[in-house]
């Protein structure tokens, strides 16, 4: 939520979460992939709305 909704960068998010930048990137990547998987299960992947590649 901090990264995407609050538009914080990785360093700001890591400081608030009390973890490393790499950990923030890992959490974000896993969350995006989990969301994409769930949306595909709901049939939204067929509409071209899902792209698993996320740029930081």
N, C-alpha and C. Protein backbone atom coordinates (compact mmCIF):
# COMPACT_ATOMS: atom_id res chain seq x y z
N UNK A 1 0.82 -1.19 0.00
CA UNK A 1 0.00 0.00 0.00
C UNK A 1 0.87 1.25 0.00
N UNK A 2 1.95 1.22 0.75
CA UNK A 2 2.82 2.39 0.79
C UNK A 2 3.42 2.69 -0.57
N UNK A 3 3.86 1.64 -1.25
CA UNK A 3 4.51 1.83 -2.56
C UNK A 3 3.54 2.30 -3.63
N UNK A 4 2.39 1.70 -3.72
CA UNK A 4 1.51 1.97 -4.85
C UNK A 4 0.42 2.99 -4.56
N UNK A 5 -0.19 2.94 -3.41
CA UNK A 5 -1.27 3.89 -3.11
C UNK A 5 -0.74 5.19 -2.52
N UNK A 6 0.28 5.09 -1.70
CA UNK A 6 0.86 6.30 -1.10
C UNK A 6 2.00 6.85 -1.95
N UNK A 7 2.36 6.14 -3.01
CA UNK A 7 3.38 6.53 -3.98
C UNK A 7 4.74 6.83 -3.35
N UNK A 8 5.10 6.03 -2.34
CA UNK A 8 6.41 6.17 -1.71
C UNK A 8 7.44 5.38 -2.50
N UNK A 9 8.68 5.84 -2.47
CA UNK A 9 9.72 5.07 -3.15
C UNK A 9 10.17 3.92 -2.24
N UNK A 10 11.04 3.10 -2.78
CA UNK A 10 11.48 1.89 -2.06
C UNK A 10 12.15 2.26 -0.74
N UNK A 11 13.03 3.25 -0.76
CA UNK A 11 13.77 3.62 0.45
C UNK A 11 12.83 4.12 1.56
N UNK A 12 11.86 4.95 1.20
CA UNK A 12 10.89 5.45 2.18
C UNK A 12 10.09 4.30 2.78
N UNK A 13 9.64 3.41 1.92
CA UNK A 13 8.85 2.27 2.36
C UNK A 13 9.65 1.37 3.29
N UNK A 14 10.90 1.12 2.92
CA UNK A 14 11.77 0.27 3.74
C UNK A 14 11.98 0.88 5.13
N UNK A 15 12.16 2.19 5.18
CA UNK A 15 12.37 2.85 6.46
C UNK A 15 11.15 2.70 7.36
N UNK A 16 9.97 2.91 6.80
CA UNK A 16 8.73 2.79 7.57
C UNK A 16 8.50 1.35 8.03
N UNK A 17 8.78 0.39 7.13
CA UNK A 17 8.56 -1.02 7.45
C UNK A 17 9.67 -1.59 8.33
N UNK A 18 10.78 -0.90 8.42
CA UNK A 18 11.90 -1.39 9.22
C UNK A 18 12.59 -2.58 8.58
N UNK A 19 12.73 -2.53 7.25
CA UNK A 19 13.38 -3.64 6.54
C UNK A 19 14.27 -3.07 5.44
N UNK A 20 14.91 -3.94 4.70
CA UNK A 20 15.80 -3.51 3.62
C UNK A 20 15.03 -3.16 2.35
N UNK A 21 15.69 -2.44 1.46
CA UNK A 21 15.10 -2.12 0.15
C UNK A 21 14.75 -3.40 -0.60
N UNK A 22 15.64 -4.38 -0.53
CA UNK A 22 15.41 -5.65 -1.21
C UNK A 22 14.16 -6.37 -0.70
N UNK A 23 13.93 -6.28 0.59
CA UNK A 23 12.75 -6.90 1.18
C UNK A 23 11.47 -6.23 0.67
N UNK A 24 11.50 -4.91 0.56
CA UNK A 24 10.34 -4.18 0.02
C UNK A 24 10.07 -4.64 -1.41
N UNK A 25 11.11 -4.73 -2.22
CA UNK A 25 10.96 -5.16 -3.61
C UNK A 25 10.38 -6.57 -3.69
N UNK A 26 10.86 -7.45 -2.81
CA UNK A 26 10.35 -8.82 -2.78
C UNK A 26 8.88 -8.86 -2.40
N UNK A 27 8.50 -8.12 -1.36
CA UNK A 27 7.10 -8.07 -0.93
C UNK A 27 6.21 -7.55 -2.06
N UNK A 28 6.64 -6.48 -2.72
CA UNK A 28 5.85 -5.89 -3.81
C UNK A 28 5.71 -6.87 -4.97
N UNK A 29 6.79 -7.51 -5.33
CA UNK A 29 6.76 -8.45 -6.44
C UNK A 29 5.82 -9.61 -6.15
N UNK A 30 5.91 -10.15 -4.96
CA UNK A 30 5.04 -11.28 -4.59
C UNK A 30 3.57 -10.85 -4.56
N UNK A 31 3.30 -9.65 -4.06
CA UNK A 31 1.92 -9.17 -4.00
C UNK A 31 1.35 -8.96 -5.40
N UNK A 32 2.13 -8.36 -6.28
CA UNK A 32 1.66 -8.13 -7.65
C UNK A 32 1.41 -9.45 -8.37
N UNK A 33 2.30 -10.41 -8.20
CA UNK A 33 2.11 -11.71 -8.84
C UNK A 33 0.89 -12.44 -8.27
N UNK A 34 0.68 -12.35 -6.96
CA UNK A 34 -0.49 -12.99 -6.35
C UNK A 34 -1.78 -12.35 -6.86
N UNK A 35 -1.78 -11.03 -6.98
CA UNK A 35 -2.96 -10.33 -7.50
C UNK A 35 -3.21 -10.71 -8.96
N UNK A 36 -2.16 -10.75 -9.76
CA UNK A 36 -2.30 -11.12 -11.17
C UNK A 36 -2.85 -12.54 -11.31
N UNK A 37 -2.37 -13.45 -10.49
CA UNK A 37 -2.85 -14.83 -10.52
C UNK A 37 -4.33 -14.89 -10.19
N UNK A 38 -4.73 -14.17 -9.16
CA UNK A 38 -6.14 -14.17 -8.76
C UNK A 38 -7.02 -13.53 -9.84
N UNK A 39 -6.57 -12.46 -10.43
CA UNK A 39 -7.35 -11.82 -11.49
C UNK A 39 -7.47 -12.73 -12.71
N UNK A 40 -6.41 -13.46 -13.01
CA UNK A 40 -6.48 -14.43 -14.12
C UNK A 40 -7.52 -15.50 -13.82
N UNK A 41 -7.57 -15.96 -12.57
CA UNK A 41 -8.57 -16.97 -12.18
C UNK A 41 -9.98 -16.44 -12.40
N UNK A 42 -10.15 -15.13 -12.24
CA UNK A 42 -11.46 -14.50 -12.42
C UNK A 42 -11.76 -14.20 -13.89
N UNK A 43 -10.82 -14.53 -14.77
CA UNK A 43 -11.03 -14.34 -16.20
C UNK A 43 -10.58 -13.00 -16.74
N UNK A 44 -9.95 -12.19 -15.93
CA UNK A 44 -9.54 -10.87 -16.39
C UNK A 44 -8.25 -10.91 -17.21
N UNK A 45 -7.49 -11.98 -17.10
CA UNK A 45 -6.26 -12.11 -17.89
C UNK A 45 -6.54 -12.16 -19.37
N UNK A 46 -7.70 -12.67 -19.74
CA UNK A 46 -8.06 -12.78 -21.15
C UNK A 46 -8.34 -11.44 -21.78
N UNK A 47 -8.59 -10.43 -20.96
CA UNK A 47 -8.90 -9.10 -21.48
C UNK A 47 -7.66 -8.27 -21.74
N UNK A 48 -6.50 -8.85 -21.47
CA UNK A 48 -5.27 -8.12 -21.66
C UNK A 48 -4.97 -7.13 -20.54
N UNK A 49 -5.65 -7.28 -19.40
CA UNK A 49 -5.46 -6.36 -18.29
C UNK A 49 -4.30 -6.79 -17.39
N UNK A 50 -3.86 -8.03 -17.53
CA UNK A 50 -2.85 -8.56 -16.64
C UNK A 50 -1.52 -8.63 -17.34
N UNK A 51 -0.51 -8.05 -16.72
CA UNK A 51 0.87 -8.16 -17.20
C UNK A 51 1.72 -8.43 -15.98
N UNK A 52 2.40 -9.56 -15.94
CA UNK A 52 3.15 -9.93 -14.75
C UNK A 52 4.45 -9.17 -14.59
N UNK A 53 4.94 -8.53 -15.64
CA UNK A 53 6.18 -7.78 -15.53
C UNK A 53 5.90 -6.43 -14.90
N UNK A 54 6.60 -6.14 -13.84
CA UNK A 54 6.42 -4.88 -13.12
C UNK A 54 7.75 -4.17 -13.05
N UNK A 55 7.77 -2.93 -13.44
CA UNK A 55 9.03 -2.17 -13.34
C UNK A 55 9.02 -1.39 -12.03
N UNK A 56 10.18 -1.26 -11.46
CA UNK A 56 10.31 -0.52 -10.18
C UNK A 56 10.61 0.92 -10.45
